[in-house]
C-alpha atoms as a PDB file:
ATOM      1  CA  MET A   1      60.995 -78.201 -15.277  1.00  0.00           C
ATOM      2  CA  SER A   2      58.012 -78.057 -17.346  1.00  0.00           C
ATOM      3  CA  ARG A   3      60.480 -77.129 -20.132  1.00  0.00           C
ATOM      4  CA  LEU A   4      62.454 -80.199 -19.713  1.00  0.00           C
ATOM      5  CA  ILE A   5      59.372 -82.477 -19.944  1.00  0.00           C
ATOM      6  CA  ARG A   6      57.300 -80.883 -22.541  1.00  0.00           C
ATOM      7  CA  PRO A   7      58.581 -82.763 -25.538  1.00  0.00           C
ATOM      8  CA  LEU A   8      58.023 -85.962 -24.365  1.00  0.00           C
ATOM      9  CA  THR A   9      54.721 -85.132 -22.559  1.00  0.00           C
ATOM     10  CA  ASP A  10      54.091 -83.681 -26.044  1.00  0.00           C
ATOM     11  CA  VAL A  11      54.611 -87.151 -27.298  1.00  0.00           C
ATOM     12  CA  LEU A  12      52.884 -89.796 -24.470  1.00  0.00           C
ATOM     13  CA  ALA A  13      49.723 -87.115 -24.685  1.00  0.00           C
ATOM     14  CA  HIS A  14      49.265 -88.438 -28.239  1.00  0.00           C
ATOM     15  CA  TRP A  15      50.054 -92.382 -27.537  1.00  0.00           C
ATOM     16  CA  GLY A  16      47.287 -93.391 -27.091  1.00  0.00           C
ATOM     17  CA  THR A  17      45.961 -93.267 -30.966  1.00  0.00           C
ATOM     18  CA  GLY A  18      48.111 -95.359 -32.079  1.00  0.00           C
ATOM     19  CA  LEU A  19      52.157 -96.633 -32.436  1.00  0.00           C
ATOM     20  CA  PHE A  20      54.060 -93.057 -32.338  1.00  0.00           C
ATOM     21  CA  SER A  21      50.998 -91.444 -33.333  1.00  0.00           C
ATOM     22  CA  TYR A  22      52.438 -87.991 -32.252  1.00  0.00           C
ATOM     23  CA  VAL A  23      55.070 -86.444 -35.585  1.00  0.00           C
ATOM     24  CA  ASP A  24      56.502 -83.139 -35.763  1.00  0.00           C
ATOM     25  CA  PRO A  25      54.367 -80.500 -37.578  1.00  0.00           C
ATOM     26  CA  ARG A  26      57.226 -80.074 -39.681  1.00  0.00           C
ATOM     27  CA  THR A  27      57.335 -83.384 -41.172  1.00  0.00           C
ATOM     28  CA  GLU A  28      53.897 -84.511 -40.948  1.00  0.00           C
ATOM     29  CA  HIS A  29      53.204 -84.300 -44.203  1.00  0.00           C
ATOM     30  CA  LEU A  30      56.318 -86.435 -45.509  1.00  0.00           C
ATOM     31  CA  PRO A  31      55.984 -89.967 -46.990  1.00  0.00           C
ATOM     32  CA  MET A  32      56.514 -92.656 -43.697  1.00  0.00           C
ATOM     33  CA  ALA A  33      56.702 -89.676 -41.307  1.00  0.00           C
ATOM     34  CA  ARG A  34      53.563 -90.922 -39.484  1.00  0.00           C
ATOM     35  CA  ASN A  35      53.104 -94.471 -40.022  1.00  0.00           C
ATOM     36  CA  PRO A  36      55.990 -96.924 -39.379  1.00  0.00           C
ATOM     37  CA  LEU A  37      55.169 -99.692 -41.000  1.00  0.00           C
ATOM     38  CA  PRO A  38      57.072 -98.904 -44.179  1.00  0.00           C
ATOM     39  CA  VAL A  39      60.490 -98.634 -42.114  1.00  0.00           C
ATOM     40  CA  PHE A  40      59.267-101.994 -40.452  1.00  0.00           C
ATOM     41  CA  ALA A  41      58.748-103.539 -43.798  1.00  0.00           C
ATOM     42  CA  ILE A  42      62.072-102.289 -45.536  1.00  0.00           C
ATOM     43  CA  VAL A  43      63.844-103.302 -42.675  1.00  0.00           C
ATOM     44  CA  GLY A  44      62.307-106.748 -42.462  1.00  0.00           C
ATOM     45  CA  ALA A  45      62.713-107.182 -45.940  1.00  0.00           C
ATOM     46  CA  TYR A  46      66.629-106.278 -45.463  1.00  0.00           C
ATOM     47  CA  LEU A  47      67.211-108.883 -42.512  1.00  0.00           C
ATOM     48  CA  TYR A  48      65.252-111.912 -44.258  1.00  0.00           C
ATOM     49  CA  PHE A  49      67.410-111.086 -47.139  1.00  0.00           C
ATOM     50  CA  SER A  50      70.667-110.640 -44.878  1.00  0.00           C
ATOM     51  CA  LEU A  51      70.206-113.711 -42.445  1.00  0.00           C
ATOM     52  CA  SER A  52      68.088-115.969 -44.838  1.00  0.00           C
ATOM     53  CA  TYR A  53      67.157-115.778 -48.712  1.00  0.00           C
ATOM     54  CA  GLY A  54      70.364-113.900 -49.993  1.00  0.00           C
ATOM     55  CA  PRO A  55      73.211-116.617 -48.504  1.00  0.00           C
ATOM     56  CA  ARG A  56      70.187-119.275 -49.871  1.00  0.00           C
ATOM     57  CA  PHE A  57      70.029-117.571 -53.441  1.00  0.00           C
ATOM     58  CA  MET A  58      74.087-117.565 -53.398  1.00  0.00           C
ATOM     59  CA  LYS A  59      75.112-120.936 -51.925  1.00  0.00           C
ATOM     60  CA  ASN A  60      75.839-122.565 -55.655  1.00  0.00           C
ATOM     61  CA  ARG A  61      76.187-119.241 -57.545  1.00  0.00           C
ATOM     62  CA  GLN A  62      79.532-117.421 -58.618  1.00  0.00           C
ATOM     63  CA  PRO A  63      79.763-114.414 -57.281  1.00  0.00           C
ATOM     64  CA  PHE A  64      78.526-111.149 -58.912  1.00  0.00           C
ATOM     65  CA  LYS A  65      80.983-108.599 -60.662  1.00  0.00           C
ATOM     66  CA  LEU A  66      79.581-105.460 -59.314  1.00  0.00           C
ATOM     67  CA  LYS A  67      82.460-103.028 -59.531  1.00  0.00           C
ATOM     68  CA  ARG A  68      80.713-100.613 -62.323  1.00  0.00           C
ATOM     69  CA  VAL A  69      77.663-100.759 -59.942  1.00  0.00           C
ATOM     70  CA  MET A  70      79.411-100.446 -56.950  1.00  0.00           C
ATOM     71  CA  LEU A  71      81.666 -97.195 -58.329  1.00  0.00           C
ATOM     72  CA  VAL A  72      78.373 -95.526 -59.001  1.00  0.00           C
ATOM     73  CA  TYR A  73      76.870 -96.391 -56.066  1.00  0.00           C
ATOM     74  CA  ASN A  74      79.948 -94.745 -53.960  1.00  0.00           C
ATOM     75  CA  ALA A  75      79.964 -92.141 -56.239  1.00  0.00           C
ATOM     76  CA  VAL A  76      76.788 -91.004 -55.047  1.00  0.00           C
ATOM     77  CA  GLN A  77      77.090 -92.128 -51.267  1.00  0.00           C
ATOM     78  CA  VAL A  78      80.262 -89.383 -51.144  1.00  0.00           C
ATOM     79  CA  VAL A  79      78.252 -86.743 -52.688  1.00  0.00           C
ATOM     80  CA  TRP A  80      75.002 -87.230 -51.154  1.00  0.00           C
ATOM     81  CA  CYS A  81      77.021 -87.630 -48.072  1.00  0.00           C
ATOM     82  CA  ALA A  82      78.899 -84.638 -48.176  1.00  0.00           C
ATOM     83  CA  TYR A  83      76.216 -82.503 -49.534  1.00  0.00           C
ATOM     84  CA  LEU A  84      74.109 -83.295 -46.349  1.00  0.00           C
ATOM     85  CA  VAL A  85      77.022 -82.450 -44.135  1.00  0.00           C
ATOM     86  CA  GLU A  86      77.282 -79.151 -45.689  1.00  0.00           C
ATOM     87  CA  GLU A  87      73.519 -78.645 -44.931  1.00  0.00           C
ATOM     88  CA  CYS A  88      74.050 -79.906 -41.519  1.00  0.00           C
ATOM     89  CA  LEU A  89      76.777 -77.015 -40.976  1.00  0.00           C
ATOM     90  CA  ARG A  90      74.580 -74.563 -42.768  1.00  0.00           C
ATOM     91  CA  VAL A  91      71.364 -74.762 -41.007  1.00  0.00           C
ATOM     92  CA  GLY A  92      72.608 -75.608 -37.529  1.00  0.00           C
ATOM     93  CA  TRP A  93      75.649 -76.918 -36.582  1.00  0.00           C
ATOM     94  CA  GLY A  94      78.197 -74.233 -38.318  1.00  0.00           C
ATOM     95  CA  GLY A  95      77.553 -72.040 -36.009  1.00  0.00           C
ATOM     96  CA  THR A  96      73.849 -71.389 -35.419  1.00  0.00           C
ATOM     97  CA  TYR A  97      73.051 -74.365 -33.174  1.00  0.00           C
ATOM     98  CA  ASN A  98      74.779 -74.208 -29.382  1.00  0.00           C
ATOM     99  CA  TRP A  99      76.865 -77.174 -29.190  1.00  0.00           C
ATOM    100  CA  ILE A 100      76.117 -77.707 -25.270  1.00  0.00           C
ATOM    101  CA  CYS A 101      72.326 -77.390 -25.873  1.00  0.00           C
ATOM    102  CA  GLU A 102      69.831 -76.752 -28.610  1.00  0.00           C
ATOM    103  CA  PRO A 103      66.308 -77.257 -27.359  1.00  0.00           C
ATOM    104  CA  VAL A 104      64.094 -78.608 -29.691  1.00  0.00           C
ATOM    105  CA  ASN A 105      62.106 -76.153 -31.637  1.00  0.00           C
ATOM    106  CA  THR A 106      58.992 -77.118 -33.721  1.00  0.00           C
ATOM    107  CA  ALA A 107      58.180 -73.636 -35.016  1.00  0.00           C
ATOM    108  CA  LYS A 108      57.738 -73.824 -38.924  1.00  0.00           C
ATOM    109  CA  THR A 109      60.458 -71.437 -39.396  1.00  0.00           C
ATOM    110  CA  PRO A 110      62.566 -71.389 -42.655  1.00  0.00           C
ATOM    111  CA  ARG A 111      65.449 -72.368 -41.125  1.00  0.00           C
ATOM    112  CA  SER A 112      63.966 -75.173 -38.904  1.00  0.00           C
ATOM    113  CA  LEU A 113      61.900 -76.574 -42.234  1.00  0.00           C
ATOM    114  CA  GLN A 114      65.345 -76.918 -43.919  1.00  0.00           C
ATOM    115  CA  ALA A 115      66.511 -78.278 -40.716  1.00  0.00           C
ATOM    116  CA  ALA A 116      63.742 -81.044 -41.402  1.00  0.00           C
ATOM    117  CA  GLN A 117      64.558 -81.416 -44.946  1.00  0.00           C
ATOM    118  CA  VAL A 118      67.934 -82.747 -44.059  1.00  0.00           C
ATOM    119  CA  CYS A 119      66.722 -85.364 -41.346  1.00  0.00           C
ATOM    120  CA  TYR A 120      64.068 -86.606 -44.415  1.00  0.00           C
ATOM    121  CA  GLN A 121      67.216 -87.051 -46.310  1.00  0.00           C
ATOM    122  CA  PHE A 122      69.239 -88.931 -43.861  1.00  0.00           C
ATOM    123  CA  LEU A 123      66.316 -91.284 -43.263  1.00  0.00           C
ATOM    124  CA  LEU A 124      66.139 -92.079 -47.163  1.00  0.00           C
ATOM    125  CA  LEU A 125      69.870 -91.915 -47.100  1.00  0.00           C
ATOM    126  CA  LYS A 126      70.094 -94.614 -44.190  1.00  0.00           C
ATOM    127  CA  ILE A 127      67.772 -96.857 -46.096  1.00  0.00           C
ATOM    128  CA  VAL A 128      70.085 -96.668 -49.158  1.00  0.00           C
ATOM    129  CA  ASP A 129      72.711 -97.607 -46.958  1.00  0.00           C
ATOM    130  CA  LEU A 130      71.102-101.197 -46.718  1.00  0.00           C
ATOM    131  CA  LEU A 131      71.961-102.022 -50.436  1.00  0.00           C
ATOM    132  CA  ASP A 132      75.831-102.109 -48.635  1.00  0.00           C
ATOM    133  CA  THR A 133      74.717-105.324 -47.495  1.00  0.00           C
ATOM    134  CA  VAL A 134      73.187-106.503 -50.570  1.00  0.00           C
ATOM    135  CA  PHE A 135      76.614-105.925 -52.222  1.00  0.00           C
ATOM    136  CA  MET A 136      78.336-108.144 -49.987  1.00  0.00           C
ATOM    137  CA  ILE A 137      75.611-111.029 -50.020  1.00  0.00           C
ATOM    138  CA  LEU A 138      75.786-110.849 -54.403  1.00  0.00           C
ATOM    139  CA  ARG A 139      79.638-110.984 -54.331  1.00  0.00           C
ATOM    140  CA  LYS A 140      79.771-113.907 -51.375  1.00  0.00           C
ATOM    141  CA  ASN A 141      81.593-111.606 -49.049  1.00  0.00           C
ATOM    142  CA  ALA A 142      79.217-113.491 -46.108  1.00  0.00           C
ATOM    143  CA  ARG A 143      82.231-112.688 -43.613  1.00  0.00           C
ATOM    144  CA  GLN A 144      81.257-108.968 -43.921  1.00  0.00           C
ATOM    145  CA  VAL A 145      78.058-109.724 -42.858  1.00  0.00           C
ATOM    146  CA  SER A 146      78.743-109.670 -39.472  1.00  0.00           C
ATOM    147  CA  PHE A 147      75.889-109.056 -36.673  1.00  0.00           C
ATOM    148  CA  LEU A 148      77.688-105.759 -35.777  1.00  0.00           C
ATOM    149  CA  HIS A 149      77.375-104.648 -40.103  1.00  0.00           C
ATOM    150  CA  VAL A 150      73.259-105.857 -39.868  1.00  0.00           C
ATOM    151  CA  TYR A 151      72.621-104.426 -36.516  1.00  0.00           C
ATOM    152  CA  HIS A 152      73.937-101.123 -36.960  1.00  0.00           C
ATOM    153  CA  HIS A 153      72.784-100.611 -40.661  1.00  0.00           C
ATOM    154  CA  SER A 154      69.119-101.899 -39.334  1.00  0.00           C
ATOM    155  CA  LEU A 155      69.350 -99.450 -36.188  1.00  0.00           C
ATOM    156  CA  MET A 156      70.424 -96.359 -38.289  1.00  0.00           C
ATOM    157  CA  VAL A 157      67.087 -96.664 -40.284  1.00  0.00           C
ATOM    158  CA  PHE A 158      64.791 -96.719 -37.120  1.00  0.00           C
ATOM    159  CA  VAL A 159      67.155 -93.661 -35.654  1.00  0.00           C
ATOM    160  CA  GLY A 160      66.659 -92.009 -39.106  1.00  0.00           C
ATOM    161  CA  TRP A 161      62.874 -92.473 -38.943  1.00  0.00           C
ATOM    162  CA  LEU A 162      62.180 -91.587 -35.207  1.00  0.00           C
ATOM    163  CA  CYS A 163      64.408 -88.167 -35.970  1.00  0.00           C
ATOM    164  CA  VAL A 164      61.951 -87.331 -38.655  1.00  0.00           C
ATOM    165  CA  LYS A 165      58.919 -88.207 -36.874  1.00  0.00           C
ATOM    166  CA  VAL A 166      60.006 -86.634 -33.459  1.00  0.00           C
ATOM    167  CA  ALA A 167      62.826 -84.534 -33.819  1.00  0.00           C
ATOM    168  CA  PRO A 168      63.934 -83.276 -37.052  1.00  0.00           C
ATOM    169  CA  GLY A 169      66.112 -80.952 -36.260  1.00  0.00           C
ATOM    170  CA  GLU A 170      67.990 -79.523 -33.171  1.00  0.00           C
ATOM    171  CA  HIS A 171      70.500 -81.336 -30.565  1.00  0.00           C
ATOM    172  CA  HIS A 172      69.796 -84.719 -31.015  1.00  0.00           C
ATOM    173  CA  THR A 173      71.064 -84.089 -34.942  1.00  0.00           C
ATOM    174  CA  PHE A 174      74.185 -84.222 -33.761  1.00  0.00           C
ATOM    175  CA  LEU A 175      74.256 -88.123 -34.111  1.00  0.00           C
ATOM    176  CA  GLY A 176      73.330 -87.762 -38.002  1.00  0.00           C
ATOM    177  CA  PHE A 177      75.904 -84.963 -38.586  1.00  0.00           C
ATOM    178  CA  VAL A 178      78.833 -86.677 -37.267  1.00  0.00           C
ATOM    179  CA  ASN A 179      77.511 -90.089 -39.111  1.00  0.00           C
ATOM    180  CA  LEU A 180      77.328 -88.113 -42.168  1.00  0.00           C
ATOM    181  CA  ILE A 181      81.271 -87.086 -42.003  1.00  0.00           C
ATOM    182  CA  VAL A 182      82.431 -90.387 -41.013  1.00  0.00           C
ATOM    183  CA  HIS A 183      80.566 -91.764 -44.180  1.00  0.00           C
ATOM    184  CA  THR A 184      81.625 -89.488 -46.522  1.00  0.00           C
ATOM    185  CA  ILE A 185      85.419 -90.626 -45.301  1.00  0.00           C
ATOM    186  CA  MET A 186      84.738 -94.098 -45.846  1.00  0.00           C
ATOM    187  CA  TYR A 187      82.870 -93.952 -49.262  1.00  0.00           C
ATOM    188  CA  SER A 188      85.377 -92.058 -50.484  1.00  0.00           C
ATOM    189  CA  TYR A 189      88.016 -94.828 -49.362  1.00  0.00           C
ATOM    190  CA  TYR A 190      85.680 -97.425 -51.061  1.00  0.00           C
ATOM    191  CA  PHE A 191      85.698 -95.307 -54.084  1.00  0.00           C
ATOM    192  CA  TYR A 192      89.272 -94.780 -54.379  1.00  0.00           C
ATOM    193  CA  SER A 193      90.152 -98.484 -53.609  1.00  0.00           C
ATOM    194  CA  LEU A 194      87.700-100.135 -56.338  1.00  0.00           C
ATOM    195  CA  LEU A 195      89.611 -97.268 -58.851  1.00  0.00           C
ATOM    196  CA  ASN A 196      92.852 -98.330 -57.156  1.00  0.00           C
ATOM    197  CA  PRO A 197      93.106-101.438 -55.755  1.00  0.00           C
ATOM    198  CA  ASP A 198      96.533-101.160 -54.533  1.00  0.00           C
ATOM    199  CA  ALA A 199      95.389 -98.717 -52.079  1.00  0.00           C
ATOM    200  CA  LYS A 200      93.425-101.389 -50.297  1.00  0.00           C
ATOM    201  CA  SER A 201      95.515-102.160 -47.265  1.00  0.00           C
ATOM    202  CA  ALA A 202      94.735-103.341 -43.264  1.00  0.00           C
ATOM    203  CA  GLN A 203      96.206-100.472 -42.192  1.00  0.00           C
ATOM    204  CA  TRP A 204      93.602 -98.047 -43.891  1.00  0.00           C
ATOM    205  CA  LYS A 205      90.931-100.508 -42.745  1.00  0.00           C
ATOM    206  CA  ARG A 206      92.399-100.180 -39.589  1.00  0.00           C
ATOM    207  CA  TYR A 207      92.159 -96.054 -39.763  1.00  0.00           C
ATOM    208  CA  ILE A 208      88.275 -96.266 -41.171  1.00  0.00           C
ATOM    209  CA  THR A 209      87.296 -98.133 -37.786  1.00  0.00           C
ATOM    210  CA  LEU A 210      88.984 -96.006 -35.658  1.00  0.00           C
ATOM    211  CA  ILE A 211      87.423 -93.038 -37.045  1.00  0.00           C
ATOM    212  CA  GLN A 212      83.698 -95.299 -36.719  1.00  0.00           C
ATOM    213  CA  PHE A 213      84.741 -95.763 -33.205  1.00  0.00           C
ATOM    214  CA  VAL A 214      85.394 -92.158 -32.604  1.00  0.00           C
ATOM    215  CA  GLN A 215      82.172 -91.740 -33.944  1.00  0.00           C
ATOM    216  CA  PHE A 216      79.812 -93.332 -31.169  1.00  0.00           C
ATOM    217  CA  PHE A 217      82.274 -91.687 -28.591  1.00  0.00           C
ATOM    218  CA  LEU A 218      81.673 -87.923 -29.733  1.00  0.00           C
ATOM    219  CA  ILE A 219      78.098 -88.776 -29.938  1.00  0.00           C
ATOM    220  CA  GLY A 220      77.446 -90.406 -26.407  1.00  0.00           C
ATOM    221  CA  ALA A 221      79.428 -87.640 -24.664  1.00  0.00           C
ATOM    222  CA  HIS A 222      77.680 -84.809 -26.477  1.00  0.00           C
ATOM    223  CA  GLU A 223      74.131 -86.408 -24.991  1.00  0.00           C
ATOM    224  CA  ILE A 224      75.901 -86.720 -21.667  1.00  0.00           C
ATOM    225  CA  ILE A 225      76.773 -83.121 -21.979  1.00  0.00           C
ATOM    226  CA  SER A 226      73.347 -82.021 -22.045  1.00  0.00           C
ATOM    227  CA  LEU A 227      72.444 -84.215 -19.013  1.00  0.00           C
ATOM    228  CA  PHE A 228      74.469 -81.527 -16.798  1.00  0.00           C
ATOM    229  CA  HIS A 229      71.890 -79.096 -17.393  1.00  0.00           C
ATOM    230  CA  PRO A 230      68.819 -80.239 -16.770  1.00  0.00           C
ATOM    231  CA  ASP A 231      66.636 -76.971 -17.885  1.00  0.00           C
ATOM    232  CA  CYS A 232      67.984 -77.863 -21.734  1.00  0.00           C
ATOM    233  CA  ASP A 233      64.928 -78.499 -23.227  1.00  0.00           C
ATOM    234  CA  VAL A 234      65.595 -81.944 -25.239  1.00  0.00           C
ATOM    235  CA  ILE A 235      63.751 -85.253 -25.640  1.00  0.00           C
ATOM    236  CA  ARG A 236      65.175 -86.959 -22.709  1.00  0.00           C
ATOM    237  CA  PRO A 237      64.155 -90.414 -23.949  1.00  0.00           C
ATOM    238  CA  PHE A 238      66.276 -89.831 -26.746  1.00  0.00           C
ATOM    239  CA  THR A 239      69.203 -88.622 -24.856  1.00  0.00           C
ATOM    240  CA  PHE A 240      69.254 -92.103 -22.689  1.00  0.00           C
ATOM    241  CA  GLY A 241      68.551 -94.075 -26.020  1.00  0.00           C
ATOM    242  CA  ILE A 242      71.777 -92.655 -27.895  1.00  0.00           C
ATOM    243  CA  ILE A 243      73.612 -93.115 -24.565  1.00  0.00           C
ATOM    244  CA  VAL A 244      72.729 -96.701 -24.307  1.00  0.00           C
ATOM    245  CA  GLN A 245      73.214 -97.261 -28.426  1.00  0.00           C
ATOM    246  CA  SER A 246      76.659 -95.366 -28.197  1.00  0.00           C
ATOM    247  CA  ALA A 247      78.044 -97.459 -25.458  1.00  0.00           C
ATOM    248  CA  PHE A 248      77.098-100.679 -27.200  1.00  0.00           C
ATOM    249  CA  MET A 249      78.080 -99.985 -30.508  1.00  0.00           C
ATOM    250  CA  THR A 250      81.405 -98.561 -29.065  1.00  0.00           C
ATOM    251  CA  ALA A 251      81.759-102.086 -27.407  1.00  0.00           C
ATOM    252  CA  LEU A 252      81.040-104.169 -30.338  1.00  0.00           C
ATOM    253  CA  PHE A 253      83.778-101.912 -32.394  1.00  0.00           C
ATOM    254  CA  LYS A 254      86.168-102.325 -29.797  1.00  0.00           C
ATOM    255  CA  ASP A 255      85.573-106.551 -30.041  1.00  0.00           C
ATOM    256  CA  PHE A 256      85.864-106.023 -33.859  1.00  0.00           C
ATOM    257  CA  TYR A 257      88.816-104.194 -33.795  1.00  0.00           C
ATOM    258  CA  HIS A 258      90.288-106.187 -31.450  1.00  0.00           C
ATOM    259  CA  LYS A 259      89.396-109.412 -33.510  1.00  0.00           C
ATOM    260  CA  ALA A 260      90.637-108.065 -36.534  1.00  0.00           C
ATOM    261  CA  TYR A 261      93.920-105.690 -35.504  1.00  0.00           C
ATOM    262  CA  GLY A 262      94.570-107.100 -32.047  1.00  0.00           C
ATOM    263  CA  GLN A 263      97.885-108.479 -31.127  1.00  0.00           C
ATOM    264  CA  GLY A 264      96.867-112.051 -32.054  1.00  0.00           C
ATOM    265  CA  ARG A 265      96.323-111.010 -35.462  1.00  0.00           C
ATOM    266  CA  ASN A 266      99.469-109.285 -35.843  1.00  0.00           C
ATOM    267  CA  LYS A 267     101.390-112.282 -34.793  1.00  0.00           C
ATOM    268  CA  LYS A 268      99.407-114.381 -36.727  1.00  0.00           C
ATOM    269  CA  GLU A 269     100.180-112.319 -39.734  1.00  0.00           C
ATOM    270  CA  LYS A 270     103.933-112.399 -39.016  1.00  0.00           C
ATOM    271  CA  LEU A 271     103.658-116.095 -38.748  1.00  0.00           C
ATOM    272  CA  ASN A 272     102.464-116.185 -42.194  1.00  0.00           C
ATOM    273  CA  SER A 273     104.655-113.770 -43.790  1.00  0.00           C
END
């Protein structure tokens, strides 16, 4: 039982000195790891631009033509995501980690430190992901800036920061591993569709949405499995938080999928054809 709650008590023991004052010894030296204010400021600026300033700024302007910028951006995303997928496999999920239960290990071993660096890069990547929304607004694609889109992008920055601060490695990083695989596929499609506009189709977008839907199911299921192993030394608040958020995101994507590709939409498209 002590092994079950030790990571949580380690965090709570340091709570009184400030917000999330505990920091994993593998990442305590990294920028933004200790203090949540930079992350709150970044997400706050993102929300202000996405929900207020950006739409007002573009209200009486023509859409920006950002094809070249977005080609570079999508290419960087594909390379960065693919690289981190390879790193996840190399330092853990390619065979070293136990898929059922990989307990927290704060020891500064070479492999553990490498896993922490991958988690930190994941945080930086999630911050860069916020540019998706900026490009949508500058191109006046306001329809794409939905609650689901803004919520997901904001949440993933906080998830990345919490992983860096408290659990930069081991069991809970499965979330990031799966997310990176999905984003490698997603941005590859975006890059290709910019080069070949004929490749754009509702069918391909439907497949991307299905992949994202499956992503949250796998992440939630992976955390649920650990609940059947009470001696598994993982951070239980993370487990329950990830399960709840996975269920919420699954519900949001299900609603989006139904509205975008459901029977009513298909009938409407047939009538207009």
